[in-house]
């Protein structure tokens, strides 16, 4: 944990695909609210919590997708080398399909051209 830079660093020997990674984070207290929610829902486990929160990976990938994060960035964050692996975690719902079709028929907002030499 690099608290000053807001990064969690994983050494290559700690990952499935032997790629070292760094994950940016915002300081948050996670474990206690998670444990309280598990107990309230009656989740299995010695302390009321499942041993793995693997479903969070799917939820996080979905949040990145719906938030407009480019696939290349999301793949890098989660260590997915291939689109096939990423696709396993990327959930598409019927509502997603409806939204996509609706967006086909909605004109994109006009954008002003960027002056030469300007940075965006």
PDB file of N, CA and C in Angstrom:
ATOM      1  N   UNK A   1       0.843  -1.177   0.000  1.00  0.00           N
ATOM      2  CA  UNK A   1       0.000   0.000   0.000  1.00  0.00           C
ATOM      3  C   UNK A   1       0.886   1.238   0.000  1.00  0.00           C
ATOM      4  N   UNK A   2       0.651   2.084  -0.948  1.00  0.00           N
ATOM      5  CA  UNK A   2       1.344   3.364  -0.998  1.00  0.00           C
ATOM      6  C   UNK A   2       0.287   4.429  -0.699  1.00  0.00           C
ATOM      7  N   UNK A   3       0.115   4.754   0.596  1.00  0.00           N
ATOM      8  CA  UNK A   3      -0.929   5.675   1.012  1.00  0.00           C
ATOM      9  C   UNK A   3      -0.720   7.074   0.456  1.00  0.00           C
ATOM     10  N   UNK A   4       0.547   7.515   0.343  1.00  0.00           N
ATOM     11  CA  UNK A   4       0.817   8.869  -0.149  1.00  0.00           C
ATOM     12  C   UNK A   4       0.416   9.034  -1.605  1.00  0.00           C
ATOM     13  N   UNK A   5       0.659   8.020  -2.426  1.00  0.00           N
ATOM     14  CA  UNK A   5       0.320   8.099  -3.847  1.00  0.00           C
ATOM     15  C   UNK A   5      -1.044   7.503  -4.159  1.00  0.00           C
ATOM     16  N   UNK A   6      -1.680   6.877  -3.164  1.00  0.00           N
ATOM     17  CA  UNK A   6      -2.994   6.289  -3.389  1.00  0.00           C
ATOM     18  C   UNK A   6      -2.941   5.082  -4.308  1.00  0.00           C
ATOM     19  N   UNK A   7      -1.950   4.194  -4.093  1.00  0.00           N
ATOM     20  CA  UNK A   7      -1.789   3.019  -4.956  1.00  0.00           C
ATOM     21  C   UNK A   7      -1.647   1.746  -4.134  1.00  0.00           C
ATOM     22  N   UNK A   8      -2.256   0.699  -4.630  1.00  0.00           N
ATOM     23  CA  UNK A   8      -2.000  -0.641  -4.129  1.00  0.00           C
ATOM     24  C   UNK A   8      -1.161  -1.310  -5.200  1.00  0.00           C
ATOM     25  N   UNK A   9      -0.004  -1.796  -4.832  1.00  0.00           N
ATOM     26  CA  UNK A   9       0.879  -2.446  -5.793  1.00  0.00           C
ATOM     27  C   UNK A   9       0.860  -3.954  -5.564  1.00  0.00           C
ATOM     28  N   UNK A  10       0.668  -4.695  -6.656  1.00  0.00           N
ATOM     29  CA  UNK A  10       0.723  -6.152  -6.608  1.00  0.00           C
ATOM     30  C   UNK A  10       1.991  -6.612  -7.302  1.00  0.00           C
ATOM     31  N   UNK A  11       2.791  -7.371  -6.587  1.00  0.00           N
ATOM     32  CA  UNK A  11       3.995  -7.950  -7.186  1.00  0.00           C
ATOM     33  C   UNK A  11       3.573  -9.023  -8.185  1.00  0.00           C
ATOM     34  N   UNK A  12       4.402  -9.279  -9.175  1.00  0.00           N
ATOM     35  CA  UNK A  12       4.026 -10.225 -10.229  1.00  0.00           C
ATOM     36  C   UNK A  12       3.738 -11.614  -9.691  1.00  0.00           C
ATOM     37  N   UNK A  13       4.385 -12.026  -8.625  1.00  0.00           N
ATOM     38  CA  UNK A  13       4.143 -13.362  -8.086  1.00  0.00           C
ATOM     39  C   UNK A  13       2.794 -13.464  -7.359  1.00  0.00           C
ATOM     40  N   UNK A  14       2.111 -12.328  -7.155  1.00  0.00           N
ATOM     41  CA  UNK A  14       0.811 -12.320  -6.486  1.00  0.00           C
ATOM     42  C   UNK A  14      -0.367 -12.326  -7.459  1.00  0.00           C
ATOM     43  N   UNK A  15      -0.100 -12.312  -8.760  1.00  0.00           N
ATOM     44  CA  UNK A  15      -1.175 -12.252  -9.743  1.00  0.00           C
ATOM     45  C   UNK A  15      -1.250 -13.555 -10.527  1.00  0.00           C
ATOM     46  N   UNK A  16      -2.435 -13.837 -11.087  1.00  0.00           N
ATOM     47  CA  UNK A  16      -2.626 -15.067 -11.854  1.00  0.00           C
ATOM     48  C   UNK A  16      -1.759 -15.117 -13.108  1.00  0.00           C
ATOM     49  N   UNK A  17      -1.581 -13.965 -13.750  1.00  0.00           N
ATOM     50  CA  UNK A  17      -0.867 -13.953 -15.030  1.00  0.00           C
ATOM     51  C   UNK A  17       0.566 -13.433 -14.928  1.00  0.00           C
ATOM     52  N   UNK A  18       1.090 -13.357 -13.712  1.00  0.00           N
ATOM     53  CA  UNK A  18       2.478 -12.928 -13.477  1.00  0.00           C
ATOM     54  C   UNK A  18       2.796 -11.528 -13.994  1.00  0.00           C
ATOM     55  N   UNK A  19       1.791 -10.659 -14.025  1.00  0.00           N
ATOM     56  CA  UNK A  19       2.009  -9.255 -14.386  1.00  0.00           C
ATOM     57  C   UNK A  19       1.871  -8.405 -13.126  1.00  0.00           C
ATOM     58  N   UNK A  20       2.885  -7.639 -12.815  1.00  0.00           N
ATOM     59  CA  UNK A  20       2.778  -6.707 -11.689  1.00  0.00           C
ATOM     60  C   UNK A  20       1.784  -5.614 -12.064  1.00  0.00           C
ATOM     61  N   UNK A  21       1.029  -5.141 -11.075  1.00  0.00           N
ATOM     62  CA  UNK A  21       0.045  -4.094 -11.346  1.00  0.00           C
ATOM     63  C   UNK A  21      -0.004  -3.115 -10.192  1.00  0.00           C
ATOM     64  N   UNK A  22      -0.478  -1.922 -10.493  1.00  0.00           N
ATOM     65  CA  UNK A  22      -0.741  -0.921  -9.463  1.00  0.00           C
ATOM     66  C   UNK A  22      -2.179  -0.450  -9.654  1.00  0.00           C
ATOM     67  N   UNK A  23      -2.914  -0.409  -8.557  1.00  0.00           N
ATOM     68  CA  UNK A  23      -4.301   0.025  -8.589  1.00  0.00           C
ATOM     69  C   UNK A  23      -4.443   1.326  -7.823  1.00  0.00           C
ATOM     70  N   UNK A  24      -4.968   2.365  -8.464  1.00  0.00           N
ATOM     71  CA  UNK A  24      -5.245   3.593  -7.718  1.00  0.00           C
ATOM     72  C   UNK A  24      -6.451   3.369  -6.804  1.00  0.00           C
ATOM     73  N   UNK A  25      -6.488   4.040  -5.667  1.00  0.00           N
ATOM     74  CA  UNK A  25      -7.620   3.911  -4.767  1.00  0.00           C
ATOM     75  C   UNK A  25      -7.886   5.222  -4.058  1.00  0.00           C
ATOM     76  N   UNK A  26      -9.097   5.326  -3.587  1.00  0.00           N
ATOM     77  CA  UNK A  26      -9.454   6.421  -2.697  1.00  0.00           C
ATOM     78  C   UNK A  26      -9.577   5.813  -1.317  1.00  0.00           C
ATOM     79  N   UNK A  27      -9.077   6.494  -0.323  1.00  0.00           N
ATOM     80  CA  UNK A  27      -9.134   5.953   1.035  1.00  0.00           C
ATOM     81  C   UNK A  27     -10.594   5.753   1.432  1.00  0.00           C
ATOM     82  N   UNK A  28     -10.900   4.574   1.858  1.00  0.00           N
ATOM     83  CA  UNK A  28     -12.257   4.255   2.284  1.00  0.00           C
ATOM     84  C   UNK A  28     -12.200   3.123   3.291  1.00  0.00           C
ATOM     85  N   UNK A  29     -13.121   3.128   4.172  1.00  0.00           N
ATOM     86  CA  UNK A  29     -13.239   2.023   5.114  1.00  0.00           C
ATOM     87  C   UNK A  29     -14.231   1.047   4.505  1.00  0.00           C
ATOM     88  N   UNK A  30     -13.756  -0.145   4.224  1.00  0.00           N
ATOM     89  CA  UNK A  30     -14.566  -1.101   3.494  1.00  0.00           C
ATOM     90  C   UNK A  30     -15.014  -2.278   4.338  1.00  0.00           C
ATOM     91  N   UNK A  31     -14.103  -2.877   5.080  1.00  0.00           N
ATOM     92  CA  UNK A  31     -14.377  -4.162   5.701  1.00  0.00           C
ATOM     93  C   UNK A  31     -15.552  -4.121   6.678  1.00  0.00           C
ATOM     94  N   UNK A  32     -15.600  -3.150   7.554  1.00  0.00           N
ATOM     95  CA  UNK A  32     -16.667  -3.130   8.563  1.00  0.00           C
ATOM     96  C   UNK A  32     -18.062  -2.979   7.939  1.00  0.00           C
ATOM     97  N   UNK A  33     -18.273  -2.042   6.993  1.00  0.00           N
ATOM     98  CA  UNK A  33     -19.603  -1.976   6.361  1.00  0.00           C
ATOM     99  C   UNK A  33     -19.945  -3.268   5.613  1.00  0.00           C
ATOM    100  N   UNK A  34     -18.948  -3.884   4.960  1.00  0.00           N
ATOM    101  CA  UNK A  34     -19.164  -5.145   4.241  1.00  0.00           C
ATOM    102  C   UNK A  34     -19.601  -6.228   5.222  1.00  0.00           C
ATOM    103  N   UNK A  35     -18.892  -6.342   6.327  1.00  0.00           N
ATOM    104  CA  UNK A  35     -19.197  -7.363   7.330  1.00  0.00           C
ATOM    105  C   UNK A  35     -20.597  -7.150   7.916  1.00  0.00           C
ATOM    106  N   UNK A  36     -20.938  -5.901   8.204  1.00  0.00           N
ATOM    107  CA  UNK A  36     -22.270  -5.603   8.746  1.00  0.00           C
ATOM    108  C   UNK A  36     -23.368  -5.975   7.750  1.00  0.00           C
ATOM    109  N   UNK A  37     -23.142  -5.672   6.473  1.00  0.00           N
ATOM    110  CA  UNK A  37     -24.132  -6.010   5.442  1.00  0.00           C
ATOM    111  C   UNK A  37     -24.280  -7.521   5.308  1.00  0.00           C
ATOM    112  N   UNK A  38     -23.166  -8.253   5.353  1.00  0.00           N
ATOM    113  CA  UNK A  38     -23.221  -9.715   5.270  1.00  0.00           C
ATOM    114  C   UNK A  38     -24.022 -10.303   6.422  1.00  0.00           C
ATOM    115  N   UNK A  39     -23.765  -9.814   7.618  1.00  0.00           N
ATOM    116  CA  UNK A  39     -24.480 -10.328   8.788  1.00  0.00           C
ATOM    117  C   UNK A  39     -25.971 -10.035   8.680  1.00  0.00           C
ATOM    118  N   UNK A  40     -26.299  -8.836   8.231  1.00  0.00           N
ATOM    119  CA  UNK A  40     -27.704  -8.448   8.101  1.00  0.00           C
ATOM    120  C   UNK A  40     -28.429  -9.341   7.100  1.00  0.00           C
ATOM    121  N   UNK A  41     -27.717  -9.726   6.025  1.00  0.00           N
ATOM    122  CA  UNK A  41     -28.310 -10.578   4.995  1.00  0.00           C
ATOM    123  C   UNK A  41     -28.214 -12.062   5.321  1.00  0.00           C
ATOM    124  N   UNK A  42     -27.486 -12.401   6.383  1.00  0.00           N
ATOM    125  CA  UNK A  42     -27.330 -13.802   6.748  1.00  0.00           C
ATOM    126  C   UNK A  42     -26.409 -14.567   5.815  1.00  0.00           C
ATOM    127  N   UNK A  43     -25.400 -13.898   5.297  1.00  0.00           N
ATOM    128  CA  UNK A  43     -24.448 -14.541   4.382  1.00  0.00           C
ATOM    129  C   UNK A  43     -23.630 -15.591   5.127  1.00  0.00           C
ATOM    130  N   UNK A  44     -23.256 -16.689   4.441  1.00  0.00           N
ATOM    131  CA  UNK A  44     -22.492 -17.742   5.105  1.00  0.00           C
ATOM    132  C   UNK A  44     -21.052 -17.313   5.382  1.00  0.00           C
ATOM    133  N   UNK A  45     -20.426 -17.990   6.318  1.00  0.00           N
ATOM    134  CA  UNK A  45     -19.039 -17.709   6.662  1.00  0.00           C
ATOM    135  C   UNK A  45     -18.906 -17.598   8.170  1.00  0.00           C
ATOM    136  N   UNK A  46     -17.719 -17.887   8.672  1.00  0.00           N
ATOM    137  CA  UNK A  46     -17.501 -17.896  10.122  1.00  0.00           C
ATOM    138  C   UNK A  46     -17.816 -16.548  10.756  1.00  0.00           C
ATOM    139  N   UNK A  47     -17.487 -15.456  10.066  1.00  0.00           N
ATOM    140  CA  UNK A  47     -17.753 -14.130  10.635  1.00  0.00           C
ATOM    141  C   UNK A  47     -18.945 -13.465   9.958  1.00  0.00           C
ATOM    142  N   UNK A  48     -19.743 -14.262   9.248  1.00  0.00           N
ATOM    143  CA  UNK A  48     -20.905 -13.713   8.558  1.00  0.00           C
ATOM    144  C   UNK A  48     -20.600 -13.246   7.155  1.00  0.00           C
ATOM    145  N   UNK A  49     -19.371 -13.447   6.688  1.00  0.00           N
ATOM    146  CA  UNK A  49     -18.982 -12.982   5.355  1.00  0.00           C
ATOM    147  C   UNK A  49     -18.485 -14.136   4.491  1.00  0.00           C
ATOM    148  N   UNK A  50     -18.823 -14.107   3.213  1.00  0.00           N
ATOM    149  CA  UNK A  50     -18.213 -15.081   2.315  1.00  0.00           C
ATOM    150  C   UNK A  50     -16.704 -14.886   2.312  1.00  0.00           C
ATOM    151  N   UNK A  51     -15.964 -15.917   2.032  1.00  0.00           N
ATOM    152  CA  UNK A  51     -14.508 -15.819   2.058  1.00  0.00           C
ATOM    153  C   UNK A  51     -13.962 -15.012   0.883  1.00  0.00           C
ATOM    154  N   UNK A  52     -14.667 -14.991  -0.223  1.00  0.00           N
ATOM    155  CA  UNK A  52     -14.196 -14.236  -1.394  1.00  0.00           C
ATOM    156  C   UNK A  52     -15.283 -13.278  -1.866  1.00  0.00           C
ATOM    157  N   UNK A  53     -14.855 -12.129  -2.240  1.00  0.00           N
ATOM    158  CA  UNK A  53     -15.796 -11.153  -2.787  1.00  0.00           C
ATOM    159  C   UNK A  53     -15.612 -11.083  -4.303  1.00  0.00           C
ATOM    160  N   UNK A  54     -15.575 -12.263  -4.961  1.00  0.00           N
ATOM    161  CA  UNK A  54     -15.284 -12.324  -6.384  1.00  0.00           C
ATOM    162  C   UNK A  54     -16.340 -11.602  -7.218  1.00  0.00           C
ATOM    163  N   UNK A  55     -17.573 -11.580  -6.748  1.00  0.00           N
ATOM    164  CA  UNK A  55     -18.629 -10.881  -7.477  1.00  0.00           C
ATOM    165  C   UNK A  55     -18.334  -9.401  -7.641  1.00  0.00           C
ATOM    166  N   UNK A  56     -17.497  -8.856  -6.762  1.00  0.00           N
ATOM    167  CA  UNK A  56     -17.132  -7.449  -6.894  1.00  0.00           C
ATOM    168  C   UNK A  56     -16.386  -7.192  -8.192  1.00  0.00           C
ATOM    169  N   UNK A  57     -15.661  -8.186  -8.661  1.00  0.00           N
ATOM    170  CA  UNK A  57     -14.909  -8.000  -9.905  1.00  0.00           C
ATOM    171  C   UNK A  57     -15.874  -7.763 -11.058  1.00  0.00           C
ATOM    172  N   UNK A  58     -16.934  -8.560 -11.115  1.00  0.00           N
ATOM    173  CA  UNK A  58     -17.950  -8.356 -12.153  1.00  0.00           C
ATOM    174  C   UNK A  58     -18.630  -7.001 -11.992  1.00  0.00           C
ATOM    175  N   UNK A  59     -18.977  -6.675 -10.766  1.00  0.00           N
ATOM    176  CA  UNK A  59     -19.636  -5.396 -10.510  1.00  0.00           C
ATOM    177  C   UNK A  59     -18.735  -4.223 -10.886  1.00  0.00           C
ATOM    178  N   UNK A  60     -17.460  -4.347 -10.576  1.00  0.00           N
ATOM    179  CA  UNK A  60     -16.526  -3.261 -10.892  1.00  0.00           C
ATOM    180  C   UNK A  60     -16.345  -3.108 -12.394  1.00  0.00           C
ATOM    181  N   UNK A  61     -16.222  -4.226 -13.114  1.00  0.00           N
ATOM    182  CA  UNK A  61     -16.079  -4.155 -14.572  1.00  0.00           C
ATOM    183  C   UNK A  61     -17.332  -3.527 -15.173  1.00  0.00           C
ATOM    184  N   UNK A  62     -18.494  -3.921 -14.675  1.00  0.00           N
ATOM    185  CA  UNK A  62     -19.743  -3.347 -15.181  1.00  0.00           C
ATOM    186  C   UNK A  62     -19.787  -1.838 -14.913  1.00  0.00           C
ATOM    187  N   UNK A  63     -19.370  -1.422 -13.727  1.00  0.00           N
ATOM    188  CA  UNK A  63     -19.375   0.011 -13.402  1.00  0.00           C
ATOM    189  C   UNK A  63     -18.430   0.779 -14.314  1.00  0.00           C
ATOM    190  N   UNK A  64     -17.282   0.188 -14.627  1.00  0.00           N
ATOM    191  CA  UNK A  64     -16.349   0.846 -15.542  1.00  0.00           C
ATOM    192  C   UNK A  64     -16.957   0.964 -16.932  1.00  0.00           C
ATOM    193  N   UNK A  65     -17.594  -0.114 -17.394  1.00  0.00           N
ATOM    194  CA  UNK A  65     -18.217  -0.092 -18.724  1.00  0.00           C
ATOM    195  C   UNK A  65     -19.317   0.959 -18.800  1.00  0.00           C
ATOM    196  N   UNK A  66     -20.233   0.931 -17.839  1.00  0.00           N
ATOM    197  CA  UNK A  66     -21.346   1.884 -17.887  1.00  0.00           C
ATOM    198  C   UNK A  66     -20.878   3.308 -17.607  1.00  0.00           C
ATOM    199  N   UNK A  67     -19.711   3.443 -16.965  1.00  0.00           N
ATOM    200  CA  UNK A  67     -19.153   4.767 -16.706  1.00  0.00           C
ATOM    201  C   UNK A  67     -18.350   5.327 -17.863  1.00  0.00           C
ATOM    202  N   UNK A  68     -18.238   4.543 -18.949  1.00  0.00           N
ATOM    203  CA  UNK A  68     -17.543   5.034 -20.128  1.00  0.00           C
ATOM    204  C   UNK A  68     -16.033   4.891 -20.088  1.00  0.00           C
ATOM    205  N   UNK A  69     -15.504   4.090 -19.171  1.00  0.00           N
ATOM    206  CA  UNK A  69     -14.055   3.880 -19.106  1.00  0.00           C
ATOM    207  C   UNK A  69     -13.646   3.013 -20.297  1.00  0.00           C
ATOM    208  N   UNK A  70     -12.639   3.413 -21.050  1.00  0.00           N
ATOM    209  CA  UNK A  70     -12.219   2.620 -22.201  1.00  0.00           C
ATOM    210  C   UNK A  70     -11.835   1.193 -21.799  1.00  0.00           C
ATOM    211  N   UNK A  71     -12.190   0.247 -22.646  1.00  0.00           N
ATOM    212  CA  UNK A  71     -11.924  -1.165 -22.378  1.00  0.00           C
ATOM    213  C   UNK A  71     -10.445  -1.413 -22.113  1.00  0.00           C
ATOM    214  N   UNK A  72      -9.566  -0.737 -22.836  1.00  0.00           N
ATOM    215  CA  UNK A  72      -8.131  -0.957 -22.642  1.00  0.00           C
ATOM    216  C   UNK A  72      -7.705  -0.583 -21.219  1.00  0.00           C
ATOM    217  N   UNK A  73      -8.303   0.454 -20.658  1.00  0.00           N
ATOM    218  CA  UNK A  73      -7.986   0.872 -19.288  1.00  0.00           C
ATOM    219  C   UNK A  73      -8.561  -0.135 -18.293  1.00  0.00           C
ATOM    220  N   UNK A  74      -9.813  -0.533 -18.492  1.00  0.00           N
ATOM    221  CA  UNK A  74     -10.450  -1.497 -17.593  1.00  0.00           C
ATOM    222  C   UNK A  74      -9.701  -2.830 -17.613  1.00  0.00           C
ATOM    223  N   UNK A  75      -9.292  -3.286 -18.791  1.00  0.00           N
ATOM    224  CA  UNK A  75      -8.538  -4.538 -18.891  1.00  0.00           C
ATOM    225  C   UNK A  75      -7.235  -4.441 -18.114  1.00  0.00           C
ATOM    226  N   UNK A  76      -6.590  -3.332 -18.210  1.00  0.00           N
ATOM    227  CA  UNK A  76      -5.317  -3.153 -17.507  1.00  0.00           C
ATOM    228  C   UNK A  76      -5.517  -3.148 -15.989  1.00  0.00           C
ATOM    229  N   UNK A  77      -6.572  -2.478 -15.541  1.00  0.00           N
ATOM    230  CA  UNK A  77      -6.864  -2.447 -14.109  1.00  0.00           C
ATOM    231  C   UNK A  77      -7.093  -3.845 -13.552  1.00  0.00           C
ATOM    232  N   UNK A  78      -7.772  -4.680 -14.304  1.00  0.00           N
ATOM    233  CA  UNK A  78      -8.142  -5.998 -13.805  1.00  0.00           C
ATOM    234  C   UNK A  78      -7.229  -7.115 -14.265  1.00  0.00           C
ATOM    235  N   UNK A  79      -6.206  -6.779 -15.037  1.00  0.00           N
ATOM    236  CA  UNK A  79      -5.231  -7.788 -15.424  1.00  0.00           C
ATOM    237  C   UNK A  79      -5.721  -8.751 -16.490  1.00  0.00           C
ATOM    238  N   UNK A  80      -6.718  -8.342 -17.247  1.00  0.00           N
ATOM    239  CA  UNK A  80      -7.217  -9.193 -18.326  1.00  0.00           C
ATOM    240  C   UNK A  80      -6.379  -8.957 -19.575  1.00  0.00           C
ATOM    241  N   UNK A  81      -5.679  -9.981 -20.004  1.00  0.00           N
ATOM    242  CA  UNK A  81      -4.830  -9.842 -21.187  1.00  0.00           C
ATOM    243  C   UNK A  81      -5.623  -9.907 -22.486  1.00  0.00           C
ATOM    244  N   UNK A  82      -6.717 -10.634 -22.468  1.00  0.00           N
ATOM    245  CA  UNK A  82      -7.484 -10.832 -23.705  1.00  0.00           C
ATOM    246  C   UNK A  82      -8.884 -10.265 -23.562  1.00  0.00           C
ATOM    247  N   UNK A  83      -9.494  -9.964 -24.719  1.00  0.00           N
ATOM    248  CA  UNK A  83     -10.886  -9.526 -24.709  1.00  0.00           C
ATOM    249  C   UNK A  83     -11.798 -10.649 -24.218  1.00  0.00           C
ATOM    250  N   UNK A  84     -11.434 -11.892 -24.527  1.00  0.00           N
ATOM    251  CA  UNK A  84     -12.259 -13.024 -24.083  1.00  0.00           C
ATOM    252  C   UNK A  84     -12.349 -13.068 -22.563  1.00  0.00           C
ATOM    253  N   UNK A  85     -11.244 -12.868 -21.887  1.00  0.00           N
ATOM    254  CA  UNK A  85     -11.253 -12.885 -20.425  1.00  0.00           C
ATOM    255  C   UNK A  85     -12.060 -11.702 -19.893  1.00  0.00           C
ATOM    256  N   UNK A  86     -11.862 -10.553 -20.477  1.00  0.00           N
ATOM    257  CA  UNK A  86     -12.599  -9.366 -20.042  1.00  0.00           C
ATOM    258  C   UNK A  86     -14.101  -9.572 -20.223  1.00  0.00           C
ATOM    259  N   UNK A  87     -14.475 -10.167 -21.359  1.00  0.00           N
ATOM    260  CA  UNK A  87     -15.885 -10.369 -21.674  1.00  0.00           C
ATOM    261  C   UNK A  87     -16.569 -11.264 -20.649  1.00  0.00           C
ATOM    262  N   UNK A  88     -15.843 -12.181 -20.048  1.00  0.00           N
ATOM    263  CA  UNK A  88     -16.428 -13.037 -18.996  1.00  0.00           C
ATOM    264  C   UNK A  88     -16.977 -12.209 -17.845  1.00  0.00           C
ATOM    265  N   UNK A  89     -16.339 -11.084 -17.572  1.00  0.00           N
ATOM    266  CA  UNK A  89     -16.722 -10.253 -16.438  1.00  0.00           C
ATOM    267  C   UNK A  89     -17.622  -9.092 -16.829  1.00  0.00           C
ATOM    268  N   UNK A  90     -17.722  -8.823 -18.109  1.00  0.00           N
ATOM    269  CA  UNK A  90     -18.517  -7.705 -18.590  1.00  0.00           C
ATOM    270  C   UNK A  90     -19.946  -8.187 -18.841  1.00  0.00           C
ATOM    271  N   UNK A  91     -20.845  -7.793 -17.966  1.00  0.00           N
ATOM    272  CA  UNK A  91     -22.227  -8.250 -18.032  1.00  0.00           C
ATOM    273  C   UNK A  91     -23.042  -7.270 -18.867  1.00  0.00           C
ATOM    274  N   UNK A  92     -23.791  -7.785 -19.825  1.00  0.00           N
ATOM    275  CA  UNK A  92     -24.677  -6.961 -20.638  1.00  0.00           C
ATOM    276  C   UNK A  92     -26.109  -7.368 -20.332  1.00  0.00           C
ATOM    277  N   UNK A  93     -26.932  -6.403 -19.969  1.00  0.00           N
ATOM    278  CA  UNK A  93     -28.328  -6.680 -19.626  1.00  0.00           C
ATOM    279  C   UNK A  93     -29.248  -6.249 -20.769  1.00  0.00           C
ATOM    280  N   UNK A  94     -30.507  -6.646 -20.667  1.00  0.00           N
ATOM    281  CA  UNK A  94     -31.486  -6.204 -21.661  1.00  0.00           C
ATOM    282  C   UNK A  94     -31.635  -4.688 -21.634  1.00  0.00           C
ATOM    283  N   UNK A  95     -31.547  -4.105 -20.455  1.00  0.00           N
ATOM    284  CA  UNK A  95     -31.619  -2.637 -20.361  1.00  0.00           C
ATOM    285  C   UNK A  95     -30.456  -1.979 -21.098  1.00  0.00           C
ATOM    286  N   UNK A  96     -29.281  -2.589 -21.042  1.00  0.00           N
ATOM    287  CA  UNK A  96     -28.130  -2.065 -21.784  1.00  0.00           C
ATOM    288  C   UNK A  96     -28.428  -2.053 -23.279  1.00  0.00           C
ATOM    289  N   UNK A  97     -29.033  -3.131 -23.757  1.00  0.00           N
ATOM    290  CA  UNK A  97     -29.363  -3.230 -25.185  1.00  0.00           C
ATOM    291  C   UNK A  97     -30.414  -2.189 -25.566  1.00  0.00           C
ATOM    292  N   UNK A  98     -31.418  -2.020 -24.715  1.00  0.00           N
ATOM    293  CA  UNK A  98     -32.444  -1.003 -24.993  1.00  0.00           C
ATOM    294  C   UNK A  98     -31.825   0.395 -25.046  1.00  0.00           C
ATOM    295  N   UNK A  99     -30.949   0.680 -24.093  1.00  0.00           N
ATOM    296  CA  UNK A  99     -30.288   1.986 -24.050  1.00  0.00           C
ATOM    297  C   UNK A  99     -29.460   2.205 -25.308  1.00  0.00           C
ATOM    298  N   UNK A 100     -28.754   1.174 -25.751  1.00  0.00           N
ATOM    299  CA  UNK A 100     -27.934   1.290 -26.959  1.00  0.00           C
ATOM    300  C   UNK A 100     -28.796   1.610 -28.175  1.00  0.00           C
ATOM    301  N   UNK A 101     -29.936   0.930 -28.307  1.00  0.00           N
ATOM    302  CA  UNK A 101     -30.827   1.179 -29.451  1.00  0.00           C
ATOM    303  C   UNK A 101     -31.410   2.580 -29.357  1.00  0.00           C
ATOM    304  N   UNK A 102     -31.808   2.993 -28.149  1.00  0.00           N
ATOM    305  CA  UNK A 102     -32.347   4.340 -27.965  1.00  0.00           C
ATOM    306  C   UNK A 102     -31.292   5.387 -28.336  1.00  0.00           C
ATOM    307  N   UNK A 103     -30.039   5.142 -27.958  1.00  0.00           N
ATOM    308  CA  UNK A 103     -28.962   6.087 -28.262  1.00  0.00           C
ATOM    309  C   UNK A 103     -28.665   6.172 -29.751  1.00  0.00           C
ATOM    310  N   UNK A 104     -28.955   5.108 -30.490  1.00  0.00           N
ATOM    311  CA  UNK A 104     -28.775   5.152 -31.941  1.00  0.00           C
ATOM    312  C   UNK A 104     -29.662   6.214 -32.574  1.00  0.00           C
ATOM    313  N   UNK A 105     -30.809   6.437 -31.956  1.00  0.00           N
ATOM    314  CA  UNK A 105     -31.795   7.359 -32.516  1.00  0.00           C
ATOM    315  C   UNK A 105     -31.753   8.737 -31.871  1.00  0.00           C
ATOM    316  N   UNK A 106     -30.791   8.952 -30.984  1.00  0.00           N
ATOM    317  CA  UNK A 106     -30.635  10.251 -30.330  1.00  0.00           C
ATOM    318  C   UNK A 106     -29.398  10.924 -30.888  1.00  0.00           C
ATOM    319  N   UNK A 107     -29.549  12.099 -31.477  1.00  0.00           N
ATOM    320  CA  UNK A 107     -28.367  12.760 -32.023  1.00  0.00           C
ATOM    321  C   UNK A 107     -27.357  13.102 -30.924  1.00  0.00           C
ATOM    322  N   UNK A 108     -26.101  12.933 -31.251  1.00  0.00           N
ATOM    323  CA  UNK A 108     -25.035  13.284 -30.310  1.00  0.00           C
ATOM    324  C   UNK A 108     -24.990  14.794 -30.166  1.00  0.00           C
ATOM    325  N   UNK A 109     -24.640  15.297 -28.972  1.00  0.00           N
ATOM    326  CA  UNK A 109     -24.551  16.749 -28.801  1.00  0.00           C
ATOM    327  C   UNK A 109     -23.425  17.314 -29.671  1.00  0.00           C
ATOM    328  N   UNK A 110     -23.687  18.487 -30.218  1.00  0.00           N
ATOM    329  CA  UNK A 110     -22.675  19.141 -31.048  1.00  0.00           C
ATOM    330  C   UNK A 110     -21.512  19.588 -30.167  1.00  0.00           C
ATOM    331  N   UNK A 111     -20.302  19.422 -30.689  1.00  0.00           N
ATOM    332  CA  UNK A 111     -19.119  19.877 -29.951  1.00  0.00           C
ATOM    333  C   UNK A 111     -18.418  20.944 -30.768  1.00  0.00           C
ATOM    334  N   UNK A 112     -17.877  21.903 -30.057  1.00  0.00           N
ATOM    335  CA  UNK A 112     -17.137  22.971 -30.731  1.00  0.00           C
ATOM    336  C   UNK A 112     -15.777  22.445 -31.154  1.00  0.00           C
ATOM    337  N   UNK A 113     -15.312  22.852 -32.323  1.00  0.00           N
ATOM    338  CA  UNK A 113     -13.983  22.405 -32.744  1.00  0.00           C
ATOM    339  C   UNK A 113     -12.911  22.939 -31.799  1.00  0.00           C
ATOM    340  N   UNK A 114     -11.875  22.145 -31.586  1.00  0.00           N
ATOM    341  CA  UNK A 114     -10.761  22.547 -30.719  1.00  0.00           C
ATOM    342  C   UNK A 114      -9.789  23.384 -31.536  1.00  0.00           C
ATOM    343  N   UNK A 115      -9.446  24.587 -31.032  1.00  0.00           N
ATOM    344  CA  UNK A 115      -8.488  25.416 -31.781  1.00  0.00           C
ATOM    345  C   UNK A 115      -7.130  24.716 -31.912  1.00  0.00           C
ATOM    346  N   UNK A 116      -6.451  24.982 -32.999  1.00  0.00           N
ATOM    347  CA  UNK A 116      -5.137  24.387 -33.218  1.00  0.00           C
ATOM    348  C   UNK A 116      -4.206  24.726 -32.081  1.00  0.00           C
ATOM    349  N   UNK A 117      -3.483  23.713 -31.596  1.00  0.00           N
ATOM    350  CA  UNK A 117      -2.529  23.923 -30.529  1.00  0.00           C
ATOM    351  C   UNK A 117      -3.112  23.833 -29.129  1.00  0.00           C
ATOM    352  N   UNK A 118      -4.450  23.769 -29.027  1.00  0.00           N
ATOM    353  CA  UNK A 118      -5.083  23.677 -27.706  1.00  0.00           C
ATOM    354  C   UNK A 118      -5.034  22.231 -27.214  1.00  0.00           C
ATOM    355  N   UNK A 119      -4.952  22.088 -25.926  1.00  0.00           N
ATOM    356  CA  UNK A 119      -4.984  20.740 -25.350  1.00  0.00           C
ATOM    357  C   UNK A 119      -6.350  20.520 -24.722  1.00  0.00           C
ATOM    358  N   UNK A 120      -6.785  19.276 -24.783  1.00  0.00           N
ATOM    359  CA  UNK A 120      -8.095  18.931 -24.236  1.00  0.00           C
ATOM    360  C   UNK A 120      -7.915  18.172 -22.961  1.00  0.00           C
TER     361      UNK A 120
END
